[in-house]
Amino acid sequence: MTLIHLARHGQTPWHRPNRYTGSSDIDLDEVGVGQAEALARWAEGAGLTALACSDLRRAVRTAEPAAARTGLTPLVDKRLRELDFGRAEGRTLAEMRAEDPAAVERFVADPDTHHMPGGEAPKDAVARATAALADLAATHPDGTLLVVAHSTLIRLVVCAALGVPLREYRRKLPRLAPASRTELEVRGGAVALLAYNVPLDAGCAA
C-alpha cells in the first residue's frame, strides 16, 4: 500500500483575481512562500519516503522547503503539471465570458467535452497524471509520498478515482485551498480517497 499526499502548490499573484494559471509558469507570492514553509513543517514529521512535484515553478518552489526539512530530493515530473487552459491562460472567467460568451457557456455546462478553447482535454490530463502517480506507487510500494501538484489536476484525479464524471469536477469539487492536502491510498492498482482538501493548519504546527 502506498499513501500519497497530493498537495496543491502555495498561493501565487494570480490567486486573488482567480486567473487561469494552467501552463503559465507563475512563481509563488509572499503568502505562498509562507504556505510552502508551513507544508514543510508538516512534512518533517509525516514519515515521508519520497517527494515529487510538477515542473512548474510554483510547484517546485512549494516542494523546496519540504525537501530541505526531510532531506528528500524531489522528483520533478512534467506529467504532474496543471491542465493547460489555452486561450484562458492569464484571464479570469469573467474576462473570457466577455471575449467569447458562447465558449464559456459550453465550458460551464461541460468542462470536459468543451474545455477552454485551445486548451488541454481533462481526460488527457488525467491520463498523464494517473500514469505518473502509478509509477510513483510502483517505485515506492510501501511508501508515504508528498506530491506537489495543481488544483484542477488534483480535482480531476479525485473524480477519476471515485468514478465521478470529469464534466462534474467544477461542481462536485469546487474548491481546493493553496497548500492543502488530499490523501490517496494506492493498493494493487486501485486508488481510494482518504481525505480531501485538508487545511494547511491541520498537523502543521511550528
C-alpha atoms as a PDB file:
ATOM      1  CA  MET A   1       0.000   0.000   0.000  1.00  0.00           C
ATOM      2  CA  THR A   2       1.306   3.436  -0.945  1.00  0.00           C
ATOM      3  CA  LEU A   3      -0.003   6.572   0.745  1.00  0.00           C
ATOM      4  CA  ILE A   4       0.117   9.655  -1.472  1.00  0.00           C
ATOM      5  CA  HIS A   5      -0.393  13.143  -0.076  1.00  0.00           C
ATOM      6  CA  LEU A   6      -1.327  15.306  -3.056  1.00  0.00           C
ATOM      7  CA  ALA A   7      -0.661  18.929  -2.105  1.00  0.00           C
ATOM      8  CA  ARG A   8      -1.704  21.931  -4.103  1.00  0.00           C
ATOM      9  CA  HIS A   9       1.116  24.449  -4.537  1.00  0.00           C
ATOM     10  CA  GLY A  10       1.129  27.656  -2.499  1.00  0.00           C
ATOM     11  CA  GLN A  11      -0.602  30.888  -3.454  1.00  0.00           C
ATOM     12  CA  THR A  12       0.541  32.893  -6.494  1.00  0.00           C
ATOM     13  CA  PRO A  13      -0.090  36.505  -7.568  1.00  0.00           C
ATOM     14  CA  TRP A  14      -2.888  35.234  -9.822  1.00  0.00           C
ATOM     15  CA  HIS A  15      -4.799  33.589  -6.969  1.00  0.00           C
ATOM     16  CA  ARG A  16      -6.846  36.553  -5.759  1.00  0.00           C
ATOM     17  CA  PRO A  17      -8.073  37.645  -9.225  1.00  0.00           C
ATOM     18  CA  ASN A  18      -8.614  33.883  -9.853  1.00  0.00           C
ATOM     19  CA  ARG A  19      -6.819  33.950 -13.197  1.00  0.00           C
ATOM     20  CA  TYR A  20      -6.407  30.662 -15.027  1.00  0.00           C
ATOM     21  CA  THR A  21      -2.853  29.572 -14.273  1.00  0.00           C
ATOM     22  CA  GLY A  22      -2.528  26.294 -16.099  1.00  0.00           C
ATOM     23  CA  SER A  23       0.667  26.016 -18.121  1.00  0.00           C
ATOM     24  CA  SER A  24       1.700  29.593 -17.220  1.00  0.00           C
ATOM     25  CA  ASP A  25       4.876  29.395 -15.143  1.00  0.00           C
ATOM     26  CA  ILE A  26       3.959  31.731 -12.275  1.00  0.00           C
ATOM     27  CA  ASP A  27       6.001  31.865  -9.063  1.00  0.00           C
ATOM     28  CA  LEU A  28       4.666  31.942  -5.504  1.00  0.00           C
ATOM     29  CA  ASP A  29       3.802  35.233  -3.855  1.00  0.00           C
ATOM     30  CA  GLU A  30       4.789  36.107  -0.277  1.00  0.00           C
ATOM     31  CA  VAL A  31       1.770  34.293   1.150  1.00  0.00           C
ATOM     32  CA  GLY A  32       2.556  31.238  -0.964  1.00  0.00           C
ATOM     33  CA  VAL A  33       6.135  31.131   0.313  1.00  0.00           C
ATOM     34  CA  GLY A  34       4.795  31.067   3.870  1.00  0.00           C
ATOM     35  CA  GLN A  35       2.366  28.299   2.947  1.00  0.00           C
ATOM     36  CA  ALA A  36       5.214  26.253   1.489  1.00  0.00           C
ATOM     37  CA  GLU A  37       7.118  26.624   4.764  1.00  0.00           C
ATOM     38  CA  ALA A  38       4.065  25.511   6.754  1.00  0.00           C
ATOM     39  CA  LEU A  39       3.634  22.482   4.492  1.00  0.00           C
ATOM     40  CA  ALA A  40       7.303  21.666   5.073  1.00  0.00           C
ATOM     41  CA  ARG A  41       6.786  21.707   8.837  1.00  0.00           C
ATOM     42  CA  TRP A  42       4.044  19.130   8.390  1.00  0.00           C
ATOM     43  CA  ALA A  43       6.205  17.106   6.016  1.00  0.00           C
ATOM     44  CA  GLU A  44       9.068  16.942   8.521  1.00  0.00           C
ATOM     45  CA  GLY A  45       7.008  14.745  10.840  1.00  0.00           C
ATOM     46  CA  ALA A  46       4.971  12.842   8.272  1.00  0.00           C
ATOM     47  CA  GLY A  47       7.348   9.918   7.759  1.00  0.00           C
ATOM     48  CA  LEU A  48       7.741  10.634   4.066  1.00  0.00           C
ATOM     49  CA  THR A  49       9.778   8.262   1.941  1.00  0.00           C
ATOM     50  CA  ALA A  50       9.641  10.244  -1.314  1.00  0.00           C
ATOM     51  CA  LEU A  51       8.848  13.691  -2.650  1.00  0.00           C
ATOM     52  CA  ALA A  52       7.673  14.647  -6.155  1.00  0.00           C
ATOM     53  CA  CYS A  53       6.349  17.723  -7.884  1.00  0.00           C
ATOM     54  CA  SER A  54       5.290  19.219 -11.184  1.00  0.00           C
ATOM     55  CA  ASP A  55       7.950  21.001 -13.213  1.00  0.00           C
ATOM     56  CA  LEU A  56       6.151  24.349 -12.985  1.00  0.00           C
ATOM     57  CA  ARG A  57       7.916  26.907 -10.786  1.00  0.00           C
ATOM     58  CA  ARG A  58       5.093  27.317  -8.268  1.00  0.00           C
ATOM     59  CA  ALA A  59       5.115  23.580  -7.548  1.00  0.00           C
ATOM     60  CA  VAL A  60       8.901  23.301  -7.424  1.00  0.00           C
ATOM     61  CA  ARG A  61       9.090  26.269  -5.041  1.00  0.00           C
ATOM     62  CA  THR A  62       6.414  24.732  -2.810  1.00  0.00           C
ATOM     63  CA  ALA A  63       8.347  21.457  -2.638  1.00  0.00           C
ATOM     64  CA  GLU A  64      11.726  23.057  -1.857  1.00  0.00           C
ATOM     65  CA  PRO A  65      11.179  23.724   1.896  1.00  0.00           C
ATOM     66  CA  ALA A  66       9.843  20.175   2.363  1.00  0.00           C
ATOM     67  CA  ALA A  67      12.952  18.843   0.618  1.00  0.00           C
ATOM     68  CA  ALA A  68      15.170  20.881   2.923  1.00  0.00           C
ATOM     69  CA  ARG A  69      13.413  19.648   6.075  1.00  0.00           C
ATOM     70  CA  THR A  70      13.141  15.965   5.061  1.00  0.00           C
ATOM     71  CA  GLY A  71      16.397  15.524   3.167  1.00  0.00           C
ATOM     72  CA  LEU A  72      14.457  14.085   0.219  1.00  0.00           C
ATOM     73  CA  THR A  73      15.328  15.059  -3.343  1.00  0.00           C
ATOM     74  CA  PRO A  74      12.165  15.978  -5.273  1.00  0.00           C
ATOM     75  CA  LEU A  75      11.400  14.008  -8.402  1.00  0.00           C
ATOM     76  CA  VAL A  76      10.277  16.633 -10.932  1.00  0.00           C
ATOM     77  CA  ASP A  77       7.726  15.191 -13.349  1.00  0.00           C
ATOM     78  CA  LYS A  78       6.163  17.175 -16.181  1.00  0.00           C
ATOM     79  CA  ARG A  79       3.168  14.823 -16.150  1.00  0.00           C
ATOM     80  CA  LEU A  80       2.092  16.407 -12.830  1.00  0.00           C
ATOM     81  CA  ARG A  81       1.713  19.910 -14.271  1.00  0.00           C
ATOM     82  CA  GLU A  82      -1.609  21.737 -14.362  1.00  0.00           C
ATOM     83  CA  LEU A  83      -4.198  21.440 -17.101  1.00  0.00           C
ATOM     84  CA  ASP A  84      -3.388  23.804 -19.989  1.00  0.00           C
ATOM     85  CA  PHE A  85      -6.275  26.287 -20.276  1.00  0.00           C
ATOM     86  CA  GLY A  86      -5.420  27.516 -23.774  1.00  0.00           C
ATOM     87  CA  ARG A  87      -6.867  30.946 -24.533  1.00  0.00           C
ATOM     88  CA  ALA A  88      -7.980  31.323 -20.919  1.00  0.00           C
ATOM     89  CA  GLU A  89      -4.400  31.382 -19.596  1.00  0.00           C
ATOM     90  CA  GLY A  90      -3.891  34.559 -17.582  1.00  0.00           C
ATOM     91  CA  ARG A  91      -7.552  35.536 -17.838  1.00  0.00           C
ATOM     92  CA  THR A  92     -10.429  35.348 -15.393  1.00  0.00           C
ATOM     93  CA  LEU A  93     -13.670  33.571 -16.239  1.00  0.00           C
ATOM     94  CA  ALA A  94     -15.383  36.967 -16.478  1.00  0.00           C
ATOM     95  CA  GLU A  95     -12.804  38.170 -18.991  1.00  0.00           C
ATOM     96  CA  MET A  96     -13.247  35.025 -21.047  1.00  0.00           C
ATOM     97  CA  ARG A  97     -17.027  35.426 -20.904  1.00  0.00           C
ATOM     98  CA  ALA A  98     -16.735  38.965 -22.275  1.00  0.00           C
ATOM     99  CA  GLU A  99     -14.490  37.727 -25.084  1.00  0.00           C
ATOM    100  CA  ASP A 100     -16.334  34.521 -26.018  1.00  0.00           C
ATOM    101  CA  PRO A 101     -19.604  34.057 -24.106  1.00  0.00           C
ATOM    102  CA  ALA A 102     -20.713  31.015 -26.106  1.00  0.00           C
ATOM    103  CA  ALA A 103     -17.477  29.141 -25.384  1.00  0.00           C
ATOM    104  CA  VAL A 104     -17.729  29.926 -21.677  1.00  0.00           C
ATOM    105  CA  GLU A 105     -21.360  28.800 -21.557  1.00  0.00           C
ATOM    106  CA  ARG A 106     -20.351  25.466 -23.082  1.00  0.00           C
ATOM    107  CA  PHE A 107     -17.402  25.183 -20.679  1.00  0.00           C
ATOM    108  CA  VAL A 108     -19.512  25.851 -17.599  1.00  0.00           C
ATOM    109  CA  ALA A 109     -22.068  23.241 -18.703  1.00  0.00           C
ATOM    110  CA  ASP A 110     -19.471  20.579 -19.545  1.00  0.00           C
ATOM    111  CA  PRO A 111     -15.801  21.477 -18.957  1.00  0.00           C
ATOM    112  CA  ASP A 112     -14.708  18.015 -20.065  1.00  0.00           C
ATOM    113  CA  THR A 113     -16.191  17.876 -23.568  1.00  0.00           C
ATOM    114  CA  HIS A 114     -15.988  21.660 -24.029  1.00  0.00           C
ATOM    115  CA  HIS A 115     -12.733  22.580 -22.326  1.00  0.00           C
ATOM    116  CA  MET A 116     -11.308  26.068 -22.804  1.00  0.00           C
ATOM    117  CA  PRO A 117     -10.532  26.884 -26.460  1.00  0.00           C
ATOM    118  CA  GLY A 118      -7.026  25.783 -27.367  1.00  0.00           C
ATOM    119  CA  GLY A 119      -6.594  24.050 -24.027  1.00  0.00           C
ATOM    120  CA  GLU A 120      -5.942  20.507 -22.894  1.00  0.00           C
ATOM    121  CA  ALA A 121      -8.718  17.934 -22.625  1.00  0.00           C
ATOM    122  CA  PRO A 122      -9.269  16.910 -18.983  1.00  0.00           C
ATOM    123  CA  LYS A 123      -9.187  13.218 -19.921  1.00  0.00           C
ATOM    124  CA  ASP A 124      -5.678  13.695 -21.323  1.00  0.00           C
ATOM    125  CA  ALA A 125      -4.530  15.431 -18.137  1.00  0.00           C
ATOM    126  CA  VAL A 126      -5.987  12.606 -16.039  1.00  0.00           C
ATOM    127  CA  ALA A 127      -4.217  10.005 -18.177  1.00  0.00           C
ATOM    128  CA  ARG A 128      -0.790  11.583 -17.715  1.00  0.00           C
ATOM    129  CA  ALA A 129      -1.284  12.338 -14.013  1.00  0.00           C
ATOM    130  CA  THR A 130      -2.564   8.880 -13.109  1.00  0.00           C
ATOM    131  CA  ALA A 131       0.336   7.344 -15.033  1.00  0.00           C
ATOM    132  CA  ALA A 132       2.771   9.474 -13.027  1.00  0.00           C
ATOM    133  CA  LEU A 133       1.141   8.502  -9.725  1.00  0.00           C
ATOM    134  CA  ALA A 134       1.080   4.817 -10.720  1.00  0.00           C
ATOM    135  CA  ASP A 135       4.798   4.978 -11.465  1.00  0.00           C
ATOM    136  CA  LEU A 136       5.447   6.574  -8.076  1.00  0.00           C
ATOM    137  CA  ALA A 137       3.365   3.915  -6.306  1.00  0.00           C
ATOM    138  CA  ALA A 138       5.185   1.129  -8.155  1.00  0.00           C
ATOM    139  CA  THR A 139       8.567   2.594  -7.212  1.00  0.00           C
ATOM    140  CA  HIS A 140       7.520   3.073  -3.566  1.00  0.00           C
ATOM    141  CA  PRO A 141       5.108   0.164  -2.921  1.00  0.00           C
ATOM    142  CA  ASP A 142       5.092   0.654   0.861  1.00  0.00           C
ATOM    143  CA  GLY A 143       5.915   4.340   0.911  1.00  0.00           C
ATOM    144  CA  THR A 144       4.422   7.609   2.080  1.00  0.00           C
ATOM    145  CA  LEU A 145       4.766  10.278  -0.584  1.00  0.00           C
ATOM    146  CA  LEU A 146       4.230  14.009  -0.837  1.00  0.00           C
ATOM    147  CA  VAL A 147       3.354  15.074  -4.385  1.00  0.00           C
ATOM    148  CA  VAL A 148       3.037  18.804  -5.070  1.00  0.00           C
ATOM    149  CA  ALA A 149       0.709  19.487  -7.992  1.00  0.00           C
ATOM    150  CA  HIS A 150      -2.154  21.768  -9.019  1.00  0.00           C
ATOM    151  CA  SER A 151      -5.800  22.479  -8.228  1.00  0.00           C
ATOM    152  CA  THR A 152      -7.615  21.357 -11.359  1.00  0.00           C
ATOM    153  CA  LEU A 153      -5.327  18.370 -11.888  1.00  0.00           C
ATOM    154  CA  ILE A 154      -5.886  17.123  -8.331  1.00  0.00           C
ATOM    155  CA  ARG A 155      -9.653  17.555  -8.607  1.00  0.00           C
ATOM    156  CA  LEU A 156      -9.698  15.651 -11.885  1.00  0.00           C
ATOM    157  CA  VAL A 157      -7.619  12.827 -10.401  1.00  0.00           C
ATOM    158  CA  VAL A 158     -10.015  12.586  -7.442  1.00  0.00           C
ATOM    159  CA  CYS A 159     -13.024  12.453  -9.774  1.00  0.00           C
ATOM    160  CA  ALA A 160     -11.380   9.690 -11.788  1.00  0.00           C
ATOM    161  CA  ALA A 161     -10.557   7.712  -8.634  1.00  0.00           C
ATOM    162  CA  LEU A 162     -14.148   7.978  -7.385  1.00  0.00           C
ATOM    163  CA  GLY A 163     -15.801   7.299 -10.737  1.00  0.00           C
ATOM    164  CA  VAL A 164     -17.261  10.812 -10.888  1.00  0.00           C
ATOM    165  CA  PRO A 165     -17.681  12.041 -14.496  1.00  0.00           C
ATOM    166  CA  LEU A 166     -14.947  14.542 -15.307  1.00  0.00           C
ATOM    167  CA  ARG A 167     -17.541  17.034 -16.519  1.00  0.00           C
ATOM    168  CA  GLU A 168     -18.623  17.394 -12.888  1.00  0.00           C
ATOM    169  CA  TYR A 169     -15.263  18.377 -11.418  1.00  0.00           C
ATOM    170  CA  ARG A 170     -16.117  22.086 -11.084  1.00  0.00           C
ATOM    171  CA  ARG A 171     -19.487  21.379  -9.454  1.00  0.00           C
ATOM    172  CA  LYS A 172     -18.615  18.417  -7.212  1.00  0.00           C
ATOM    173  CA  LEU A 173     -15.175  19.695  -6.134  1.00  0.00           C
ATOM    174  CA  PRO A 174     -15.424  23.474  -6.486  1.00  0.00           C
ATOM    175  CA  ARG A 175     -12.522  24.450  -4.224  1.00  0.00           C
ATOM    176  CA  LEU A 176      -9.032  23.342  -3.284  1.00  0.00           C
ATOM    177  CA  ALA A 177      -7.090  25.609  -0.953  1.00  0.00           C
ATOM    178  CA  PRO A 178      -3.447  26.506  -1.634  1.00  0.00           C
ATOM    179  CA  ALA A 179      -1.057  24.065   0.078  1.00  0.00           C
ATOM    180  CA  SER A 180      -3.961  21.855   1.203  1.00  0.00           C
ATOM    181  CA  ARG A 181      -3.500  18.085   1.116  1.00  0.00           C
ATOM    182  CA  THR A 182      -5.597  15.372  -0.499  1.00  0.00           C
ATOM    183  CA  GLU A 183      -4.758  11.833   0.614  1.00  0.00           C
ATOM    184  CA  LEU A 184      -4.907   8.826  -1.696  1.00  0.00           C
ATOM    185  CA  GLU A 185      -4.254   5.172  -0.924  1.00  0.00           C
ATOM    186  CA  VAL A 186      -2.926   3.058  -3.786  1.00  0.00           C
ATOM    187  CA  ARG A 187      -3.247  -0.673  -3.262  1.00  0.00           C
ATOM    188  CA  GLY A 188      -2.902  -3.271  -6.013  1.00  0.00           C
ATOM    189  CA  GLY A 189      -3.508  -0.650  -8.680  1.00  0.00           C
ATOM    190  CA  ALA A 190      -6.741   0.546  -7.046  1.00  0.00           C
ATOM    191  CA  VAL A 191      -6.934   4.131  -5.775  1.00  0.00           C
ATOM    192  CA  ALA A 192      -9.031   5.160  -2.758  1.00  0.00           C
ATOM    193  CA  LEU A 193      -9.658   8.653  -1.394  1.00  0.00           C
ATOM    194  CA  LEU A 194      -8.851   9.023   2.309  1.00  0.00           C
ATOM    195  CA  ALA A 195      -9.135  12.814   2.691  1.00  0.00           C
ATOM    196  CA  TYR A 196      -9.763  15.852   0.521  1.00  0.00           C
ATOM    197  CA  ASN A 197      -8.665  19.484   0.880  1.00  0.00           C
ATOM    198  CA  VAL A 198      -7.133  19.029   4.328  1.00  0.00           C
ATOM    199  CA  PRO A 199      -6.436  22.554   5.658  1.00  0.00           C
ATOM    200  CA  LEU A 200      -2.887  23.775   5.870  1.00  0.00           C
ATOM    201  CA  ASP A 201      -3.086  24.221   9.644  1.00  0.00           C
ATOM    202  CA  ALA A 202      -4.099  20.580  10.216  1.00  0.00           C
ATOM    203  CA  GLY A 203      -0.930  18.963  11.545  1.00  0.00           C
ATOM    204  CA  CYS A 204       1.271  21.912  10.536  1.00  0.00           C
ATOM    205  CA  ALA A 205       2.404  23.109  13.953  1.00  0.00           C
ATOM    206  CA  ALA A 206       5.543  25.242  14.002  1.00  0.00           C
END
